[in-house]
Amino acid sequence: MFRTNSLKHAMLAGSPAFGLSQTIASPGLSEMMGQLGCDFVLLDDEHGQGDFADHLACLRALSSTPATGLIRLASADPIRIGRFLDFGVEGIMVAGIATVGQAEAVVAACRYPPRGTRGYGASGVRASDYGLRKDAYLAGAEHEILIAVMIESAEGVRNARAIAAVDGVDVLQIGANDLSYDLGVPDQLSHPELLEAIAQIENAARQSGKMLGGAPIPPGGLSALLDNDYRLITLSRDGTLFAGAVTERLMTARKSANTKQGEKA
């Protein structure tokens, strides 16, 4: 459904946005996240379990909430990007962007010709309210769609300034975990080499006037993101939160059971 992208406009006005990554493609879970107060829900088409139909159902569920629906894709596949845009997703995030050409391809896939390569379907897709708001959608989609590119390799860091300068890119999203692996310091999220690479991306965004996105990592966590003016902040993912909550409950229950058994012995 076509609407003003309140998330994008709030971010551009200086407000940080907080959300979760969704890997379990359940519409009920999407709706819950939106109702609980997430500014955005990032449907994960890269590592998540959903297909096109699953993600469409999640977007429909999100449309009844204030939350903005975003999708993360594994590559700048123009067909896949176009189809999700036709579904009405309000933001595209593409992983593994390492060159200017790749960033330009993402932007082109989000724009209709002559400024891009997106295939035309606005006369009958969900994004334009099935054609009922076709003219408004064609006039406004380019400005309302949030475009984020993920930098998560040494090559991407080297090209960060040029990637940030690409017209149409709104957010440089830092993929710290993948970046740590590419730098040869896997899972060492406090390693000086990783932190220096992240600082280079942050500087590139500032110099180009682009927004930053990422997830809290040590040593600074959320506070460091806010201090560095990150606008798109993914706090965690559904599976991680659920696993942590279940593990804690089970440990507490088993500890209590063991204590009771010891008292009876």
C-alpha atoms as a PDB file:
ATOM      1  CA  MET A   1       0.000   0.000   0.000  1.00  0.00           C
ATOM      2  CA  PHE A   2       1.366   3.397  -0.970  1.00  0.00           C
ATOM      3  CA  ARG A   3       1.862   5.814   1.896  1.00  0.00           C
ATOM      4  CA  THR A   4       4.342   8.434   2.999  1.00  0.00           C
ATOM      5  CA  ASN A   5       7.430   6.673   4.313  1.00  0.00           C
ATOM      6  CA  SER A   6       7.314   8.032   7.845  1.00  0.00           C
ATOM      7  CA  LEU A   7      10.428   6.053   8.773  1.00  0.00           C
ATOM      8  CA  LYS A   8      12.563   7.616   6.057  1.00  0.00           C
ATOM      9  CA  HIS A   9      11.344  11.135   6.737  1.00  0.00           C
ATOM     10  CA  ALA A  10      11.887  10.815  10.488  1.00  0.00           C
ATOM     11  CA  MET A  11      15.411   9.539   9.902  1.00  0.00           C
ATOM     12  CA  LEU A  12      16.196  12.352   7.478  1.00  0.00           C
ATOM     13  CA  ALA A  13      14.945  14.793  10.116  1.00  0.00           C
ATOM     14  CA  GLY A  14      17.507  13.426  12.560  1.00  0.00           C
ATOM     15  CA  SER A  15      15.636  10.816  14.566  1.00  0.00           C
ATOM     16  CA  PRO A  16      17.109   7.341  15.141  1.00  0.00           C
ATOM     17  CA  ALA A  17      14.833   4.443  14.183  1.00  0.00           C
ATOM     18  CA  PHE A  18      14.797   1.190  16.121  1.00  0.00           C
ATOM     19  CA  GLY A  19      13.688  -2.157  14.764  1.00  0.00           C
ATOM     20  CA  LEU A  20      14.234  -5.877  14.572  1.00  0.00           C
ATOM     21  CA  SER A  21      15.316  -8.309  11.896  1.00  0.00           C
ATOM     22  CA  GLN A  22      12.727 -11.006  11.161  1.00  0.00           C
ATOM     23  CA  THR A  23      13.997 -14.378   9.978  1.00  0.00           C
ATOM     24  CA  ILE A  24      10.920 -16.409  10.936  1.00  0.00           C
ATOM     25  CA  ALA A  25       8.475 -15.384   8.227  1.00  0.00           C
ATOM     26  CA  SER A  26       5.292 -15.384  10.305  1.00  0.00           C
ATOM     27  CA  PRO A  27       2.668 -12.666   9.704  1.00  0.00           C
ATOM     28  CA  GLY A  28       1.606 -12.905  13.341  1.00  0.00           C
ATOM     29  CA  LEU A  29       5.152 -12.225  14.446  1.00  0.00           C
ATOM     30  CA  SER A  30       5.412  -9.248  12.070  1.00  0.00           C
ATOM     31  CA  GLU A  31       2.178  -7.821  13.412  1.00  0.00           C
ATOM     32  CA  MET A  32       3.345  -8.312  16.990  1.00  0.00           C
ATOM     33  CA  MET A  33       6.636  -6.495  16.332  1.00  0.00           C
ATOM     34  CA  GLY A  34       4.768  -3.611  14.754  1.00  0.00           C
ATOM     35  CA  GLN A  35       2.231  -3.393  17.558  1.00  0.00           C
ATOM     36  CA  LEU A  36       4.963  -3.570  20.206  1.00  0.00           C
ATOM     37  CA  GLY A  37       6.459  -0.345  18.900  1.00  0.00           C
ATOM     38  CA  CYS A  38       9.194  -1.218  16.400  1.00  0.00           C
ATOM     39  CA  ASP A  39       9.824   1.639  14.008  1.00  0.00           C
ATOM     40  CA  PHE A  40      10.679  -0.911  11.335  1.00  0.00           C
ATOM     41  CA  VAL A  41      10.742  -4.648  10.762  1.00  0.00           C
ATOM     42  CA  LEU A  42      13.491  -5.912   8.463  1.00  0.00           C
ATOM     43  CA  LEU A  43      12.280  -9.041   6.695  1.00  0.00           C
ATOM     44  CA  ASP A  44      15.344 -11.172   6.000  1.00  0.00           C
ATOM     45  CA  ASP A  45      15.336 -12.623   2.493  1.00  0.00           C
ATOM     46  CA  GLU A  46      19.073 -13.339   2.766  1.00  0.00           C
ATOM     47  CA  HIS A  47      19.202 -15.625   5.810  1.00  0.00           C
ATOM     48  CA  GLY A  48      15.526 -15.986   6.700  1.00  0.00           C
ATOM     49  CA  GLN A  49      13.075 -18.786   6.049  1.00  0.00           C
ATOM     50  CA  GLY A  50      10.487 -17.017   3.938  1.00  0.00           C
ATOM     51  CA  ASP A  51       9.674 -17.017   0.238  1.00  0.00           C
ATOM     52  CA  PHE A  52       7.817 -14.379  -1.787  1.00  0.00           C
ATOM     53  CA  ALA A  53       4.383 -15.395  -0.498  1.00  0.00           C
ATOM     54  CA  ASP A  54       5.563 -15.488   3.119  1.00  0.00           C
ATOM     55  CA  HIS A  55       7.100 -12.027   2.940  1.00  0.00           C
ATOM     56  CA  LEU A  56       4.003 -10.611   1.235  1.00  0.00           C
ATOM     57  CA  ALA A  57       1.868 -11.961   4.081  1.00  0.00           C
ATOM     58  CA  CYS A  58       4.225 -10.327   6.588  1.00  0.00           C
ATOM     59  CA  LEU A  59       4.003  -6.990   4.768  1.00  0.00           C
ATOM     60  CA  ARG A  60       0.217  -7.172   4.845  1.00  0.00           C
ATOM     61  CA  ALA A  61       0.326  -7.805   8.576  1.00  0.00           C
ATOM     62  CA  LEU A  62       2.711  -4.878   9.093  1.00  0.00           C
ATOM     63  CA  SER A  63       0.456  -2.505   7.157  1.00  0.00           C
ATOM     64  CA  SER A  64      -2.021  -2.594  10.060  1.00  0.00           C
ATOM     65  CA  THR A  65       0.682  -1.241  12.398  1.00  0.00           C
ATOM     66  CA  PRO A  66       2.757   1.953  12.490  1.00  0.00           C
ATOM     67  CA  ALA A  67       5.937  -0.010  11.665  1.00  0.00           C
ATOM     68  CA  THR A  68       7.626   0.274   8.275  1.00  0.00           C
ATOM     69  CA  GLY A  69       8.342  -2.919   6.353  1.00  0.00           C
ATOM     70  CA  LEU A  70      11.852  -3.309   4.936  1.00  0.00           C
ATOM     71  CA  ILE A  71      13.453  -6.266   3.139  1.00  0.00           C
ATOM     72  CA  ARG A  72      17.071  -7.409   3.143  1.00  0.00           C
ATOM     73  CA  LEU A  73      18.279  -9.094  -0.044  1.00  0.00           C
ATOM     74  CA  ALA A  74      21.425 -11.078  -0.689  1.00  0.00           C
ATOM     75  CA  SER A  75      22.252  -9.308  -3.957  1.00  0.00           C
ATOM     76  CA  ALA A  76      21.188  -6.536  -6.306  1.00  0.00           C
ATOM     77  CA  ASP A  77      18.990  -8.879  -8.359  1.00  0.00           C
ATOM     78  CA  PRO A  78      16.755  -6.398 -10.233  1.00  0.00           C
ATOM     79  CA  ILE A  79      13.943  -8.918 -10.700  1.00  0.00           C
ATOM     80  CA  ARG A  80      13.796  -9.729  -6.992  1.00  0.00           C
ATOM     81  CA  ILE A  81      14.083  -6.080  -5.971  1.00  0.00           C
ATOM     82  CA  GLY A  82      11.331  -5.096  -8.394  1.00  0.00           C
ATOM     83  CA  ARG A  83       8.992  -7.784  -7.187  1.00  0.00           C
ATOM     84  CA  PHE A  84       9.349  -6.813  -3.542  1.00  0.00           C
ATOM     85  CA  LEU A  85       8.808  -3.172  -4.455  1.00  0.00           C
ATOM     86  CA  ASP A  86       5.640  -4.178  -6.302  1.00  0.00           C
ATOM     87  CA  PHE A  87       4.528  -5.943  -3.119  1.00  0.00           C
ATOM     88  CA  GLY A  88       4.744  -2.576  -1.369  1.00  0.00           C
ATOM     89  CA  VAL A  89       7.902  -2.902   0.692  1.00  0.00           C
ATOM     90  CA  GLU A  90       8.971   0.566   1.798  1.00  0.00           C
ATOM     91  CA  GLY A  91      12.701   0.003   1.977  1.00  0.00           C
ATOM     92  CA  ILE A  92      15.331  -2.137   0.290  1.00  0.00           C
ATOM     93  CA  MET A  93      18.575  -3.238   1.945  1.00  0.00           C
ATOM     94  CA  VAL A  94      21.090  -5.143  -0.167  1.00  0.00           C
ATOM     95  CA  ALA A  95      23.943  -7.113   1.351  1.00  0.00           C
ATOM     96  CA  GLY A  96      27.518  -7.402   0.143  1.00  0.00           C
ATOM     97  CA  ILE A  97      27.875  -4.085  -1.685  1.00  0.00           C
ATOM     98  CA  ALA A  98      31.565  -3.578  -2.403  1.00  0.00           C
ATOM     99  CA  THR A  99      31.726  -1.362  -5.506  1.00  0.00           C
ATOM    100  CA  VAL A 100      30.161   1.750  -6.955  1.00  0.00           C
ATOM    101  CA  GLY A 101      28.693  -0.312  -9.793  1.00  0.00           C
ATOM    102  CA  GLN A 102      26.882  -2.582  -7.361  1.00  0.00           C
ATOM    103  CA  ALA A 103      25.467   0.382  -5.450  1.00  0.00           C
ATOM    104  CA  GLU A 104      24.330   2.012  -8.684  1.00  0.00           C
ATOM    105  CA  ALA A 105      22.635  -1.242  -9.704  1.00  0.00           C
ATOM    106  CA  VAL A 106      20.631  -1.264  -6.464  1.00  0.00           C
ATOM    107  CA  VAL A 107      19.424   2.290  -7.025  1.00  0.00           C
ATOM    108  CA  ALA A 108      18.626   1.624 -10.687  1.00  0.00           C
ATOM    109  CA  ALA A 109      16.520  -1.409  -9.757  1.00  0.00           C
ATOM    110  CA  CYS A 110      14.438   0.830  -7.465  1.00  0.00           C
ATOM    111  CA  ARG A 111      13.730   3.477 -10.122  1.00  0.00           C
ATOM    112  CA  TYR A 112      11.649   3.435 -13.264  1.00  0.00           C
ATOM    113  CA  PRO A 113      13.222   4.396 -16.612  1.00  0.00           C
ATOM    114  CA  PRO A 114      14.735   6.669 -17.701  1.00  0.00           C
ATOM    115  CA  ARG A 115      16.397   7.070 -14.285  1.00  0.00           C
ATOM    116  CA  GLY A 116      16.508   3.355 -13.586  1.00  0.00           C
ATOM    117  CA  THR A 117      15.728  -0.139 -14.794  1.00  0.00           C
ATOM    118  CA  ARG A 118      12.681  -1.155 -12.750  1.00  0.00           C
ATOM    119  CA  GLY A 119      10.044  -2.973 -14.737  1.00  0.00           C
ATOM    120  CA  TYR A 120       6.675  -1.240 -14.990  1.00  0.00           C
ATOM    121  CA  GLY A 121       3.743  -2.772 -13.155  1.00  0.00           C
ATOM    122  CA  ALA A 122       2.289   0.208 -11.351  1.00  0.00           C
ATOM    123  CA  SER A 123      -1.128  -0.140 -12.976  1.00  0.00           C
ATOM    124  CA  GLY A 124      -2.005  -3.225 -10.960  1.00  0.00           C
ATOM    125  CA  VAL A 125       0.362  -3.996  -8.075  1.00  0.00           C
ATOM    126  CA  ARG A 126      -0.129  -3.739  -4.330  1.00  0.00           C
ATOM    127  CA  ALA A 127       2.428  -0.912  -4.050  1.00  0.00           C
ATOM    128  CA  SER A 128       0.099   1.438  -5.971  1.00  0.00           C
ATOM    129  CA  ASP A 129      -3.059   0.137  -4.264  1.00  0.00           C
ATOM    130  CA  TYR A 130      -3.616  -2.076  -7.294  1.00  0.00           C
ATOM    131  CA  GLY A 131      -3.504   0.893  -9.638  1.00  0.00           C
ATOM    132  CA  LEU A 132      -5.948   3.068  -7.698  1.00  0.00           C
ATOM    133  CA  ARG A 133      -3.094   5.399  -6.732  1.00  0.00           C
ATOM    134  CA  LYS A 134      -0.919   4.777  -9.758  1.00  0.00           C
ATOM    135  CA  ASP A 135      -0.171   8.422 -10.523  1.00  0.00           C
ATOM    136  CA  ALA A 136       0.692   9.242  -6.922  1.00  0.00           C
ATOM    137  CA  TYR A 137       2.907   6.177  -6.710  1.00  0.00           C
ATOM    138  CA  LEU A 138       4.776   6.954  -9.930  1.00  0.00           C
ATOM    139  CA  ALA A 139       5.318  10.523  -8.766  1.00  0.00           C
ATOM    140  CA  GLY A 140       6.399   9.675  -5.237  1.00  0.00           C
ATOM    141  CA  ALA A 141       7.924   6.207  -5.112  1.00  0.00           C
ATOM    142  CA  GLU A 142      11.466   7.324  -5.890  1.00  0.00           C
ATOM    143  CA  HIS A 143      11.404   9.740  -2.952  1.00  0.00           C
ATOM    144  CA  GLU A 144       9.603   7.447  -0.502  1.00  0.00           C
ATOM    145  CA  ILE A 145      11.573   4.202  -0.956  1.00  0.00           C
ATOM    146  CA  LEU A 146      14.438   3.884   1.525  1.00  0.00           C
ATOM    147  CA  ILE A 147      17.594   2.438  -0.045  1.00  0.00           C
ATOM    148  CA  ALA A 148      20.290   0.960   2.175  1.00  0.00           C
ATOM    149  CA  VAL A 149      23.466  -0.752   0.991  1.00  0.00           C
ATOM    150  CA  MET A 150      25.423  -3.049   3.275  1.00  0.00           C
ATOM    151  CA  ILE A 151      29.189  -2.706   3.402  1.00  0.00           C
ATOM    152  CA  GLU A 152      30.670  -5.875   4.860  1.00  0.00           C
ATOM    153  CA  SER A 153      34.003  -6.492   3.121  1.00  0.00           C
ATOM    154  CA  ALA A 154      37.463  -4.967   2.941  1.00  0.00           C
ATOM    155  CA  GLU A 155      36.792  -4.012  -0.670  1.00  0.00           C
ATOM    156  CA  GLY A 156      33.613  -2.251   0.392  1.00  0.00           C
ATOM    157  CA  VAL A 157      35.534  -0.307   3.037  1.00  0.00           C
ATOM    158  CA  ARG A 158      38.093   0.801   0.447  1.00  0.00           C
ATOM    159  CA  ASN A 159      35.269   2.001  -1.792  1.00  0.00           C
ATOM    160  CA  ALA A 160      33.058   3.366   0.979  1.00  0.00           C
ATOM    161  CA  ARG A 161      33.470   7.013   0.081  1.00  0.00           C
ATOM    162  CA  ALA A 162      32.591   6.414  -3.576  1.00  0.00           C
ATOM    163  CA  ILE A 163      29.656   4.153  -2.639  1.00  0.00           C
ATOM    164  CA  ALA A 164      28.323   6.809  -0.271  1.00  0.00           C
ATOM    165  CA  ALA A 165      28.440   9.372  -3.071  1.00  0.00           C
ATOM    166  CA  VAL A 166      26.060   7.360  -5.277  1.00  0.00           C
ATOM    167  CA  ASP A 167      22.862   9.317  -5.906  1.00  0.00           C
ATOM    168  CA  GLY A 168      19.879   7.517  -4.417  1.00  0.00           C
ATOM    169  CA  VAL A 169      21.705   5.659  -1.656  1.00  0.00           C
ATOM    170  CA  ASP A 170      20.158   6.746   1.643  1.00  0.00           C
ATOM    171  CA  VAL A 171      21.920   4.543   4.194  1.00  0.00           C
ATOM    172  CA  LEU A 172      25.313   2.896   4.540  1.00  0.00           C
ATOM    173  CA  GLN A 173      24.537  -0.201   6.574  1.00  0.00           C
ATOM    174  CA  ILE A 174      27.529  -1.731   8.343  1.00  0.00           C
ATOM    175  CA  GLY A 175      27.570  -5.523   8.404  1.00  0.00           C
ATOM    176  CA  ALA A 176      30.050  -5.951  11.247  1.00  0.00           C
ATOM    177  CA  ASN A 177      29.914  -9.741  11.493  1.00  0.00           C
ATOM    178  CA  ASP A 178      30.634 -10.449   7.831  1.00  0.00           C
ATOM    179  CA  LEU A 179      33.184  -7.650   7.796  1.00  0.00           C
ATOM    180  CA  SER A 180      35.060  -9.249  10.690  1.00  0.00           C
ATOM    181  CA  TYR A 181      35.317 -12.495   8.725  1.00  0.00           C
ATOM    182  CA  ASP A 182      36.482 -10.755   5.565  1.00  0.00           C
ATOM    183  CA  LEU A 183      39.152  -8.902   7.540  1.00  0.00           C
ATOM    184  CA  GLY A 184      40.431 -12.158   9.009  1.00  0.00           C
ATOM    185  CA  VAL A 185      39.272 -11.457  12.575  1.00  0.00           C
ATOM    186  CA  PRO A 186      36.081 -13.558  12.679  1.00  0.00           C
ATOM    187  CA  ASP A 187      33.629 -12.748  15.462  1.00  0.00           C
ATOM    188  CA  GLN A 188      36.178 -10.455  17.129  1.00  0.00           C
ATOM    189  CA  LEU A 189      33.842  -7.498  17.205  1.00  0.00           C
ATOM    190  CA  SER A 190      36.134  -5.440  19.410  1.00  0.00           C
ATOM    191  CA  HIS A 191      39.216  -6.037  17.259  1.00  0.00           C
ATOM    192  CA  PRO A 192      41.064  -2.774  16.420  1.00  0.00           C
ATOM    193  CA  GLU A 193      41.207  -3.658  12.710  1.00  0.00           C
ATOM    194  CA  LEU A 194      37.438  -4.081  12.547  1.00  0.00           C
ATOM    195  CA  LEU A 195      36.801  -0.903  14.529  1.00  0.00           C
ATOM    196  CA  GLU A 196      39.096   1.049  12.202  1.00  0.00           C
ATOM    197  CA  ALA A 197      37.229  -0.284   9.154  1.00  0.00           C
ATOM    198  CA  ILE A 198      33.906   0.710  10.715  1.00  0.00           C
ATOM    199  CA  ALA A 199      35.271   4.189  11.423  1.00  0.00           C
ATOM    200  CA  GLN A 200      36.213   4.547   7.758  1.00  0.00           C
ATOM    201  CA  ILE A 201      32.654   3.721   6.692  1.00  0.00           C
ATOM    202  CA  GLU A 202      31.259   6.145   9.265  1.00  0.00           C
ATOM    203  CA  ASN A 203      33.506   8.921   7.965  1.00  0.00           C
ATOM    204  CA  ALA A 204      32.479   8.182   4.376  1.00  0.00           C
ATOM    205  CA  ALA A 205      28.818   8.523   5.303  1.00  0.00           C
ATOM    206  CA  ARG A 206      29.372  11.800   7.128  1.00  0.00           C
ATOM    207  CA  GLN A 207      31.389  13.310   4.301  1.00  0.00           C
ATOM    208  CA  SER A 208      28.651  12.428   1.788  1.00  0.00           C
ATOM    209  CA  GLY A 209      25.749  13.430   3.996  1.00  0.00           C
ATOM    210  CA  LYS A 210      24.363   9.893   4.024  1.00  0.00           C
ATOM    211  CA  MET A 211      22.805   8.122   6.992  1.00  0.00           C
ATOM    212  CA  LEU A 212      24.336   5.217   8.899  1.00  0.00           C
ATOM    213  CA  GLY A 213      22.762   1.920   9.844  1.00  0.00           C
ATOM    214  CA  GLY A 214      23.926  -0.996  11.932  1.00  0.00           C
ATOM    215  CA  ALA A 215      23.454  -3.192  14.971  1.00  0.00           C
ATOM    216  CA  PRO A 216      24.904  -2.680  18.471  1.00  0.00           C
ATOM    217  CA  ILE A 217      28.247  -4.438  18.940  1.00  0.00           C
ATOM    218  CA  PRO A 218      30.932  -4.297  21.638  1.00  0.00           C
ATOM    219  CA  PRO A 219      32.645  -2.367  22.962  1.00  0.00           C
ATOM    220  CA  GLY A 220      30.345   0.630  22.592  1.00  0.00           C
ATOM    221  CA  GLY A 221      27.001  -1.065  21.957  1.00  0.00           C
ATOM    222  CA  LEU A 222      23.931   1.058  21.408  1.00  0.00           C
ATOM    223  CA  SER A 223      25.506   4.104  23.039  1.00  0.00           C
ATOM    224  CA  ALA A 224      28.252   4.192  20.404  1.00  0.00           C
ATOM    225  CA  LEU A 225      25.694   4.048  17.587  1.00  0.00           C
ATOM    226  CA  LEU A 226      23.746   6.948  19.039  1.00  0.00           C
ATOM    227  CA  ASP A 227      26.938   8.956  19.651  1.00  0.00           C
ATOM    228  CA  ASN A 228      27.872   8.451  15.990  1.00  0.00           C
ATOM    229  CA  ASP A 229      24.411   9.504  14.751  1.00  0.00           C
ATOM    230  CA  TYR A 230      23.273   6.147  13.381  1.00  0.00           C
ATOM    231  CA  ARG A 231      19.700   6.442  12.140  1.00  0.00           C
ATOM    232  CA  LEU A 232      18.719   2.838  11.195  1.00  0.00           C
ATOM    233  CA  ILE A 233      19.413   0.675  14.251  1.00  0.00           C
ATOM    234  CA  THR A 234      18.608  -3.036  14.166  1.00  0.00           C
ATOM    235  CA  LEU A 235      18.516  -4.030  17.810  1.00  0.00           C
ATOM    236  CA  SER A 236      18.391  -7.807  17.360  1.00  0.00           C
ATOM    237  CA  ARG A 237      16.638 -10.583  15.432  1.00  0.00           C
ATOM    238  CA  ASP A 238      13.575 -12.615  16.280  1.00  0.00           C
ATOM    239  CA  GLY A 239      15.335 -15.975  16.575  1.00  0.00           C
ATOM    240  CA  THR A 240      18.042 -14.600  18.855  1.00  0.00           C
ATOM    241  CA  LEU A 241      15.515 -13.003  21.195  1.00  0.00           C
ATOM    242  CA  PHE A 242      13.332 -16.095  21.314  1.00  0.00           C
ATOM    243  CA  ALA A 243      16.273 -18.438  21.872  1.00  0.00           C
ATOM    244  CA  GLY A 244      17.606 -16.247  24.674  1.00  0.00           C
ATOM    245  CA  ALA A 245      14.232 -15.996  26.410  1.00  0.00           C
ATOM    246  CA  VAL A 246      13.547 -19.737  26.156  1.00  0.00           C
ATOM    247  CA  THR A 247      17.046 -20.641  27.365  1.00  0.00           C
ATOM    248  CA  GLU A 248      16.716 -18.334  30.374  1.00  0.00           C
ATOM    249  CA  ARG A 249      13.291 -19.716  31.324  1.00  0.00           C
ATOM    250  CA  LEU A 250      14.469 -23.330  31.005  1.00  0.00           C
ATOM    251  CA  MET A 251      17.602 -22.709  33.064  1.00  0.00           C
ATOM    252  CA  THR A 252      15.576 -21.004  35.781  1.00  0.00           C
ATOM    253  CA  ALA A 253      12.994 -23.792  35.822  1.00  0.00           C
ATOM    254  CA  ARG A 254      15.604 -26.568  35.941  1.00  0.00           C
ATOM    255  CA  LYS A 255      17.566 -24.786  38.648  1.00  0.00           C
ATOM    256  CA  SER A 256      14.389 -24.518  40.723  1.00  0.00           C
ATOM    257  CA  ALA A 257      13.567 -28.177  40.103  1.00  0.00           C
ATOM    258  CA  ASN A 258      17.058 -29.270  41.150  1.00  0.00           C
ATOM    259  CA  THR A 259      16.799 -27.176  44.303  1.00  0.00           C
ATOM    260  CA  LYS A 260      13.448 -28.765  45.193  1.00  0.00           C
ATOM    261  CA  GLN A 261      14.824 -32.247  44.556  1.00  0.00           C
ATOM    262  CA  GLY A 262      17.801 -31.481  46.794  1.00  0.00           C
ATOM    263  CA  GLU A 263      15.489 -30.327  49.586  1.00  0.00           C
ATOM    264  CA  LYS A 264      13.532 -33.582  49.370  1.00  0.00           C
ATOM    265  CA  ALA A 265      16.638 -35.797  49.419  1.00  0.00           C
END
